[in-house]
Amino acid sequence: MPNMREKVIKYITELDEEIKRLQKWIDDNFQDEIQETIVTMIARLTALSEVRNDLKNRLEEEYNSLKLTIDSDYFSNLYLR
């Protein structure tokens, strides 16, 4: 069973794919579509990008926190030898 970190990474990948799809749709339809539709798609693109960036930042913070814990445990144990 995948852990939560793996699930989040998979979800980020899916967000990346959806973001690329939306960017292509906006590029392809910018002149032809009604302005309200374009604004809606840009708002969706912005929201997905913000979620993706937030998740990436949280993963990075979690990794750094874990790394600091491991490093401090290692040095504490090394000092006690």
N, C-alpha and C. Protein backbone atom coordinates (compact mmCIF):
# COMPACT_ATOMS: atom_id res chain seq x y z
N MET A 1 0.85 -1.18 0.00
CA MET A 1 0.00 0.00 0.00
C MET A 1 0.90 1.24 0.00
N PRO A 2 0.66 2.16 -0.93
CA PRO A 2 1.52 3.36 -0.99
C PRO A 2 1.32 4.25 0.23
N ASN A 3 2.41 4.85 0.66
CA ASN A 3 2.28 5.75 1.81
C ASN A 3 1.74 7.11 1.34
N MET A 4 1.46 7.97 2.28
CA MET A 4 0.84 9.26 1.97
C MET A 4 1.74 10.10 1.07
N ARG A 5 3.05 10.06 1.31
CA ARG A 5 3.99 10.83 0.50
C ARG A 5 3.91 10.42 -0.98
N GLU A 6 3.85 9.11 -1.22
CA GLU A 6 3.75 8.61 -2.59
C GLU A 6 2.43 9.05 -3.23
N LYS A 7 1.35 9.03 -2.46
CA LYS A 7 0.06 9.47 -2.98
C LYS A 7 0.09 10.95 -3.34
N VAL A 8 0.72 11.75 -2.50
CA VAL A 8 0.81 13.19 -2.77
C VAL A 8 1.64 13.43 -4.02
N ILE A 9 2.76 12.72 -4.16
CA ILE A 9 3.60 12.87 -5.36
C ILE A 9 2.81 12.47 -6.61
N LYS A 10 2.04 11.40 -6.53
CA LYS A 10 1.20 10.99 -7.66
C LYS A 10 0.17 12.06 -7.99
N TYR A 11 -0.44 12.63 -6.96
CA TYR A 11 -1.44 13.68 -7.16
C TYR A 11 -0.80 14.92 -7.79
N ILE A 12 0.40 15.27 -7.37
CA ILE A 12 1.11 16.41 -7.97
C ILE A 12 1.34 16.15 -9.45
N THR A 13 1.71 14.92 -9.80
CA THR A 13 1.90 14.56 -11.21
C THR A 13 0.61 14.71 -12.00
N GLU A 14 -0.50 14.29 -11.40
CA GLU A 14 -1.80 14.45 -12.06
C GLU A 14 -2.16 15.93 -12.22
N LEU A 15 -1.84 16.74 -11.21
CA LEU A 15 -2.08 18.18 -11.31
C LEU A 15 -1.24 18.78 -12.43
N ASP A 16 0.01 18.36 -12.54
CA ASP A 16 0.88 18.85 -13.62
C ASP A 16 0.27 18.55 -14.99
N GLU A 17 -0.27 17.33 -15.15
CA GLU A 17 -0.89 16.96 -16.42
C GLU A 17 -2.11 17.83 -16.71
N GLU A 18 -2.94 18.06 -15.71
CA GLU A 18 -4.14 18.88 -15.89
C GLU A 18 -3.76 20.33 -16.18
N ILE A 19 -2.73 20.82 -15.52
CA ILE A 19 -2.26 22.19 -15.77
C ILE A 19 -1.78 22.33 -17.21
N LYS A 20 -1.02 21.37 -17.68
CA LYS A 20 -0.55 21.41 -19.08
C LYS A 20 -1.73 21.37 -20.05
N ARG A 21 -2.73 20.53 -19.73
CA ARG A 21 -3.91 20.43 -20.60
C ARG A 21 -4.65 21.77 -20.65
N LEU A 22 -4.81 22.40 -19.49
CA LEU A 22 -5.49 23.70 -19.44
C LEU A 22 -4.70 24.78 -20.18
N GLN A 23 -3.39 24.78 -19.99
CA GLN A 23 -2.56 25.77 -20.70
C GLN A 23 -2.71 25.62 -22.21
N LYS A 24 -2.70 24.37 -22.68
CA LYS A 24 -2.87 24.12 -24.12
C LYS A 24 -4.25 24.57 -24.58
N TRP A 25 -5.29 24.26 -23.78
CA TRP A 25 -6.63 24.65 -24.16
C TRP A 25 -6.73 26.16 -24.26
N ILE A 26 -6.18 26.87 -23.29
CA ILE A 26 -6.23 28.34 -23.30
C ILE A 26 -5.49 28.88 -24.52
N ASP A 27 -4.30 28.33 -24.79
CA ASP A 27 -3.54 28.77 -25.97
C ASP A 27 -4.30 28.53 -27.26
N ASP A 28 -4.93 27.36 -27.37
CA ASP A 28 -5.64 26.99 -28.60
C ASP A 28 -6.94 27.75 -28.79
N ASN A 29 -7.57 28.18 -27.70
CA ASN A 29 -8.91 28.75 -27.78
C ASN A 29 -9.00 30.22 -27.38
N PHE A 30 -7.88 30.84 -27.15
CA PHE A 30 -7.89 32.20 -26.61
C PHE A 30 -8.67 33.18 -27.49
N GLN A 31 -8.54 33.10 -28.78
CA GLN A 31 -9.21 34.04 -29.68
C GLN A 31 -10.65 33.66 -29.98
N ASP A 32 -10.97 32.36 -29.87
CA ASP A 32 -12.27 31.87 -30.32
C ASP A 32 -13.34 31.81 -29.23
N GLU A 33 -12.94 31.65 -28.00
CA GLU A 33 -13.90 31.43 -26.92
C GLU A 33 -14.42 32.74 -26.36
N ILE A 34 -15.53 32.63 -25.67
CA ILE A 34 -16.13 33.77 -24.96
C ILE A 34 -15.19 34.14 -23.81
N GLN A 35 -15.05 35.42 -23.58
CA GLN A 35 -14.12 35.91 -22.56
C GLN A 35 -14.37 35.28 -21.19
N GLU A 36 -15.62 35.09 -20.82
CA GLU A 36 -15.94 34.50 -19.51
C GLU A 36 -15.37 33.09 -19.38
N THR A 37 -15.42 32.33 -20.46
CA THR A 37 -14.89 30.96 -20.44
C THR A 37 -13.38 30.99 -20.24
N ILE A 38 -12.70 31.89 -20.92
CA ILE A 38 -11.25 32.02 -20.78
C ILE A 38 -10.90 32.41 -19.35
N VAL A 39 -11.62 33.38 -18.79
CA VAL A 39 -11.36 33.82 -17.42
C VAL A 39 -11.57 32.65 -16.45
N THR A 40 -12.61 31.85 -16.66
CA THR A 40 -12.87 30.70 -15.81
C THR A 40 -11.73 29.70 -15.89
N MET A 41 -11.26 29.43 -17.09
CA MET A 41 -10.16 28.47 -17.27
C MET A 41 -8.87 29.00 -16.66
N ILE A 42 -8.61 30.27 -16.78
CA ILE A 42 -7.41 30.86 -16.18
C ILE A 42 -7.51 30.78 -14.66
N ALA A 43 -8.69 31.03 -14.10
CA ALA A 43 -8.87 30.92 -12.65
C ALA A 43 -8.64 29.48 -12.20
N ARG A 44 -9.14 28.53 -12.95
CA ARG A 44 -8.92 27.12 -12.61
C ARG A 44 -7.44 26.77 -12.69
N LEU A 45 -6.77 27.23 -13.72
CA LEU A 45 -5.33 27.01 -13.89
C LEU A 45 -4.56 27.59 -12.71
N THR A 46 -4.93 28.78 -12.30
CA THR A 46 -4.27 29.43 -11.17
C THR A 46 -4.48 28.64 -9.88
N ALA A 47 -5.71 28.20 -9.64
CA ALA A 47 -6.02 27.44 -8.43
C ALA A 47 -5.24 26.12 -8.40
N LEU A 48 -5.22 25.40 -9.52
CA LEU A 48 -4.49 24.14 -9.58
C LEU A 48 -2.99 24.36 -9.36
N SER A 49 -2.46 25.43 -9.93
CA SER A 49 -1.04 25.73 -9.76
C SER A 49 -0.72 26.04 -8.30
N GLU A 50 -1.60 26.77 -7.64
CA GLU A 50 -1.38 27.08 -6.23
C GLU A 50 -1.42 25.83 -5.36
N VAL A 51 -2.36 24.93 -5.64
CA VAL A 51 -2.44 23.67 -4.89
C VAL A 51 -1.18 22.85 -5.11
N ARG A 52 -0.77 22.73 -6.37
CA ARG A 52 0.44 21.97 -6.68
C ARG A 52 1.65 22.55 -5.96
N ASN A 53 1.82 23.86 -6.03
CA ASN A 53 2.97 24.49 -5.38
C ASN A 53 2.93 24.31 -3.87
N ASP A 54 1.75 24.42 -3.28
CA ASP A 54 1.61 24.23 -1.84
C ASP A 54 2.00 22.80 -1.45
N LEU A 55 1.52 21.82 -2.20
CA LEU A 55 1.86 20.43 -1.90
C LEU A 55 3.36 20.18 -2.04
N LYS A 56 3.96 20.73 -3.09
CA LYS A 56 5.41 20.56 -3.26
C LYS A 56 6.17 21.19 -2.10
N ASN A 57 5.75 22.37 -1.68
CA ASN A 57 6.42 23.03 -0.55
C ASN A 57 6.27 22.22 0.73
N ARG A 58 5.09 21.67 0.95
CA ARG A 58 4.87 20.86 2.16
C ARG A 58 5.73 19.59 2.14
N LEU A 59 5.85 18.96 0.97
CA LEU A 59 6.70 17.78 0.87
C LEU A 59 8.15 18.15 1.16
N GLU A 60 8.58 19.27 0.63
CA GLU A 60 9.95 19.71 0.86
C GLU A 60 10.18 20.01 2.34
N GLU A 61 9.22 20.68 2.98
CA GLU A 61 9.33 20.99 4.40
C GLU A 61 9.37 19.70 5.22
N GLU A 62 8.54 18.73 4.85
CA GLU A 62 8.51 17.45 5.56
C GLU A 62 9.86 16.75 5.42
N TYR A 63 10.40 16.76 4.22
CA TYR A 63 11.70 16.13 3.97
C TYR A 63 12.79 16.81 4.79
N ASN A 64 12.81 18.14 4.77
CA ASN A 64 13.82 18.88 5.52
C ASN A 64 13.68 18.64 7.02
N SER A 65 12.46 18.59 7.51
CA SER A 65 12.21 18.33 8.93
C SER A 65 12.70 16.94 9.30
N LEU A 66 12.38 15.97 8.47
CA LEU A 66 12.80 14.60 8.72
C LEU A 66 14.32 14.50 8.69
N LYS A 67 14.93 15.16 7.72
CA LYS A 67 16.38 15.14 7.59
C LYS A 67 17.03 15.76 8.82
N LEU A 68 16.48 16.87 9.31
CA LEU A 68 17.03 17.50 10.51
C LEU A 68 16.91 16.58 11.71
N THR A 69 15.79 15.89 11.83
CA THR A 69 15.59 14.97 12.94
C THR A 69 16.60 13.84 12.88
N ILE A 70 16.77 13.28 11.69
CA ILE A 70 17.72 12.18 11.53
C ILE A 70 19.13 12.67 11.83
N ASP A 71 19.50 13.83 11.29
CA ASP A 71 20.84 14.37 11.52
C ASP A 71 21.08 14.63 13.00
N SER A 72 20.10 15.23 13.68
CA SER A 72 20.30 15.54 15.09
C SER A 72 20.37 14.25 15.92
N ASP A 73 19.57 13.23 15.58
CA ASP A 73 19.63 11.95 16.27
C ASP A 73 20.99 11.30 16.05
N TYR A 74 21.46 11.37 14.85
CA TYR A 74 22.76 10.78 14.53
C TYR A 74 23.86 11.44 15.35
N PHE A 75 23.87 12.76 15.35
CA PHE A 75 24.92 13.47 16.08
C PHE A 75 24.77 13.28 17.59
N SER A 76 23.55 13.19 18.09
CA SER A 76 23.34 12.93 19.51
C SER A 76 23.91 11.57 19.89
N ASN A 77 23.60 10.59 19.07
CA ASN A 77 24.10 9.23 19.34
C ASN A 77 25.62 9.17 19.20
N LEU A 78 26.14 9.89 18.25
CA LEU A 78 27.58 9.92 18.04
C LEU A 78 28.27 10.54 19.25
N TYR A 79 27.68 11.58 19.79
CA TYR A 79 28.25 12.26 20.93
C TYR A 79 28.24 11.37 22.17
N LEU A 80 27.21 10.52 22.28
CA LEU A 80 27.08 9.67 23.46
C LEU A 80 28.02 8.46 23.44
N ARG A 81 28.66 8.20 22.33
CA ARG A 81 29.57 7.04 22.24
C ARG A 81 30.79 7.21 23.07
